[in-house]
């Protein structure tokens, strides 16, 4: 796997984690 593809996957994973964090935070906010 070349460096460009690796950085692309890293960016995609970080974006997924970012959205998951926001979703969990919103769920907690609306829950309490």
C-alpha atoms as a PDB file:
ATOM      1  CA  UNK A   1       0.000   0.000   0.000  1.00  0.00           C
ATOM      2  CA  UNK A   2       1.478   3.339  -1.028  1.00  0.00           C
ATOM      3  CA  UNK A   3       1.642   6.425   1.165  1.00  0.00           C
ATOM      4  CA  UNK A   4      -1.236   8.277  -0.551  1.00  0.00           C
ATOM      5  CA  UNK A   5      -3.686   5.414   0.008  1.00  0.00           C
ATOM      6  CA  UNK A   6      -2.512   5.058   3.595  1.00  0.00           C
ATOM      7  CA  UNK A   7      -3.097   8.728   4.387  1.00  0.00           C
ATOM      8  CA  UNK A   8      -6.483   8.530   2.651  1.00  0.00           C
ATOM      9  CA  UNK A   9      -7.559   5.644   4.916  1.00  0.00           C
ATOM     10  CA  UNK A  10      -6.219   7.455   7.975  1.00  0.00           C
ATOM     11  CA  UNK A  11      -8.277  10.522   7.058  1.00  0.00           C
ATOM     12  CA  UNK A  12     -11.392   8.409   6.496  1.00  0.00           C
ATOM     13  CA  UNK A  13     -10.953   6.636   9.837  1.00  0.00           C
ATOM     14  CA  UNK A  14     -10.415   9.887  11.724  1.00  0.00           C
ATOM     15  CA  UNK A  15     -13.566  11.335  10.117  1.00  0.00           C
ATOM     16  CA  UNK A  16     -15.564   8.250  11.142  1.00  0.00           C
ATOM     17  CA  UNK A  17     -14.310   8.540  14.727  1.00  0.00           C
ATOM     18  CA  UNK A  18     -15.158  12.258  14.677  1.00  0.00           C
ATOM     19  CA  UNK A  19     -18.751  11.610  13.601  1.00  0.00           C
ATOM     20  CA  UNK A  20     -19.148   8.802  16.156  1.00  0.00           C
ATOM     21  CA  UNK A  21     -17.944  11.121  18.927  1.00  0.00           C
ATOM     22  CA  UNK A  22     -20.412  13.826  17.882  1.00  0.00           C
ATOM     23  CA  UNK A  23     -23.273  11.320  17.688  1.00  0.00           C
ATOM     24  CA  UNK A  24     -22.513   9.918  21.151  1.00  0.00           C
ATOM     25  CA  UNK A  25     -22.204  13.425  22.592  1.00  0.00           C
ATOM     26  CA  UNK A  26     -25.556  14.461  21.101  1.00  0.00           C
ATOM     27  CA  UNK A  27     -27.214  11.299  22.399  1.00  0.00           C
ATOM     28  CA  UNK A  28     -25.933  11.998  25.909  1.00  0.00           C
ATOM     29  CA  UNK A  29     -27.057  15.631  25.694  1.00  0.00           C
ATOM     30  CA  UNK A  30     -30.592  14.698  24.655  1.00  0.00           C
ATOM     31  CA  UNK A  31     -30.735  11.810  27.107  1.00  0.00           C
ATOM     32  CA  UNK A  32     -30.022  13.871  30.228  1.00  0.00           C
END
